[in-house]
Protein backbone atom coordinates (compact mmCIF):
# COMPACT_ATOMS: atom_id res chain seq x y z
CA MET A 1 156.98 20.80 97.67
CA ALA A 2 158.71 23.49 95.71
CA ASP A 3 162.09 24.89 96.69
CA THR A 4 161.41 28.45 98.03
CA THR A 5 165.05 29.24 98.53
CA PRO A 6 165.52 31.46 95.40
CA ILE A 7 162.57 33.55 96.52
CA ARG A 8 163.64 33.80 100.09
CA TRP A 9 167.17 34.80 99.13
CA THR A 10 165.75 37.47 96.83
CA LEU A 11 163.59 38.80 99.72
CA THR A 12 166.57 38.86 102.03
CA PHE A 13 168.77 40.51 99.38
CA GLY A 14 166.04 43.20 99.03
CA ALA A 15 166.24 43.78 102.73
CA TRP A 16 170.12 44.04 102.56
CA LEU A 17 169.89 46.47 99.66
CA ILE A 18 167.52 48.67 101.55
CA ALA A 19 169.69 48.60 104.57
CA THR A 20 172.88 49.35 102.52
CA VAL A 21 171.20 52.37 100.81
CA SER A 22 169.93 53.67 104.17
CA THR A 23 173.27 53.30 105.70
CA LEU A 24 175.12 54.96 102.86
CA GLY A 25 172.52 57.81 102.83
CA ALA A 26 172.97 58.44 106.58
CA LEU A 27 176.67 58.51 106.32
CA PHE A 28 176.44 60.89 103.27
CA LEU A 29 174.02 63.30 105.14
CA GLY A 30 176.33 63.21 108.34
CA GLU A 31 179.85 63.18 106.78
CA GLU A 32 179.44 64.98 103.45
CA MET A 33 176.56 67.24 103.90
CA GLY A 34 177.56 67.97 107.58
CA TYR A 35 174.19 67.38 109.21
CA THR A 36 174.74 66.40 112.91
CA PRO A 37 172.38 63.56 113.91
CA CYS A 38 170.20 63.85 117.09
CA VAL A 39 170.22 61.29 119.80
CA LEU A 40 167.21 59.46 118.35
CA CYS A 41 168.88 59.42 114.92
CA TRP A 42 172.11 57.95 116.37
CA TYR A 43 169.85 55.18 117.97
CA GLN A 44 168.14 54.43 114.68
CA ARG A 45 171.65 54.24 113.01
CA ILE A 46 172.60 51.80 115.64
CA ALA A 47 169.76 49.55 114.53
CA MET A 48 170.37 50.12 110.91
CA PHE A 49 174.16 49.92 110.48
CA PRO A 50 174.50 46.21 111.81
CA LEU A 51 171.79 45.07 109.40
CA VAL A 52 174.21 45.50 106.49
CA LEU A 53 176.58 43.05 107.83
CA VAL A 54 174.11 40.68 109.58
CA LEU A 55 172.02 40.36 106.30
CA ALA A 56 175.12 40.00 104.06
CA ALA A 57 176.18 37.11 106.26
CA GLY A 58 172.92 35.36 105.82
CA LEU A 59 172.98 35.70 102.15
CA PHE A 60 176.32 33.87 101.26
CA PRO A 61 175.57 31.06 101.73
CA PHE A 62 171.75 31.60 102.34
CA ASP A 63 170.78 31.01 105.92
CA PRO A 64 167.06 31.47 106.68
CA ARG A 65 167.87 31.83 110.25
CA VAL A 66 169.18 35.39 109.50
CA VAL A 67 165.69 36.51 109.97
CA ARG A 68 165.71 35.67 113.73
CA TYR A 69 168.79 38.01 114.07
CA ALA A 70 167.83 40.89 111.62
CA LEU A 71 164.04 41.22 112.46
CA PRO A 72 164.56 42.38 116.16
CA LEU A 73 166.91 45.10 114.74
CA ALA A 74 164.60 46.13 112.16
CA LEU A 75 161.68 46.23 114.69
CA ALA A 76 163.63 48.18 117.17
CA GLY A 77 164.67 50.70 114.54
CA LEU A 78 161.01 50.97 113.41
CA GLY A 79 159.90 51.70 116.87
CA LEU A 80 162.42 54.36 117.35
CA ALA A 81 161.56 55.88 114.02
CA LEU A 82 157.99 55.88 114.76
CA PHE A 83 158.71 57.43 118.28
CA HIS A 84 160.79 60.11 116.60
CA LEU A 85 157.98 61.01 114.14
CA ALA A 86 155.43 61.28 116.90
CA LEU A 87 157.78 63.58 118.78
CA ILE A 88 158.08 65.85 115.62
CA ALA A 89 154.29 65.63 115.04
CA GLY A 90 153.87 66.94 118.72
CA TRP A 91 151.86 63.76 119.74
CA ILE A 92 154.63 63.11 122.29
CA PRO A 93 155.47 66.20 124.48
CA GLU A 94 158.91 67.56 124.37
CA SER A 95 159.06 67.52 128.09
CA ILE A 96 160.10 63.76 127.77
CA ARG A 97 163.34 65.19 126.61
CA PRO A 98 164.79 62.25 124.57
CA CYS A 99 167.44 64.76 123.24
CA GLN A 100 169.00 66.62 126.15
CA GLN A 101 172.33 67.26 124.46
CA GLY A 102 173.16 68.27 120.98
CA VAL A 103 170.58 68.59 118.16
CA PRO A 104 167.02 68.77 119.43
CA CYS A 105 165.01 65.69 118.14
CA SER A 106 162.10 67.87 117.15
CA ASP A 107 164.25 69.99 114.74
CA LEU A 108 164.04 69.05 111.10
CA GLN A 109 167.28 69.67 109.34
CA VAL A 110 166.22 68.25 105.93
CA VAL A 111 162.61 68.37 104.39
CA TRP A 112 162.10 67.46 100.85
CA PHE A 113 158.79 68.13 98.91
CA GLY A 114 157.40 69.66 102.03
CA PHE A 115 156.94 66.44 104.07
CA VAL A 116 159.72 64.00 103.41
CA ASN A 117 162.24 64.01 106.46
CA ILE A 118 165.01 61.90 107.69
CA PRO A 119 162.92 60.07 110.40
CA LEU A 120 160.26 59.35 107.77
CA LEU A 121 162.80 57.87 105.53
CA SER A 122 164.04 55.78 108.38
CA ALA A 123 160.59 54.45 109.27
CA VAL A 124 159.85 53.59 105.68
CA SER A 125 163.27 51.76 105.42
CA PHE A 126 162.73 49.84 108.58
CA SER A 127 159.18 48.95 107.46
CA LEU A 128 160.18 47.64 104.24
CA ILE A 129 163.18 45.66 105.73
CA ALA A 130 160.83 44.22 108.36
CA GLY A 131 158.17 43.38 105.73
CA LEU A 132 160.77 41.54 103.52
CA LEU A 133 162.16 39.69 106.49
CA LEU A 134 158.64 38.52 107.56
CA ALA A 135 157.89 37.60 104.00
CA THR A 136 161.20 35.50 103.97
CA HIS A 137 160.09 33.78 107.06
CA LEU A 138 156.47 33.10 105.90
CA LYS A 139 157.77 31.71 102.45
CA GLY A 140 159.83 29.15 104.48
CA SER A 141 157.18 28.00 106.82
CA LYS A 142 154.89 26.78 104.21
């Protein structure tokens, strides 16, 4: 049986890299560009920011059990991001009022290319991280 540790390390490193870029992007938009995050954005940050540390701790030395700690955070963040996208699309009524204080969750502060917004970027990041972590787990279970 071949050693899959290098492949699994690379997949986990990819997840860490995405989490790090996402965290730095969120901090740049909030701290440097002055965009105030809504409540759902804060919750997504709560799921993303620890992934940088959790995944890094699982890389040096590589510990395949990092998946069991990181995957729930990635899936929770993905669920929040998808809920946020559904709210923006109007599929979920605003009467649910997830954002009662501060910036309304249905407001889009940033839109690139006519369709790329921050909740979409969040959903893509969490999807990629979850996919890489699942691949890490599946490579080890063979």
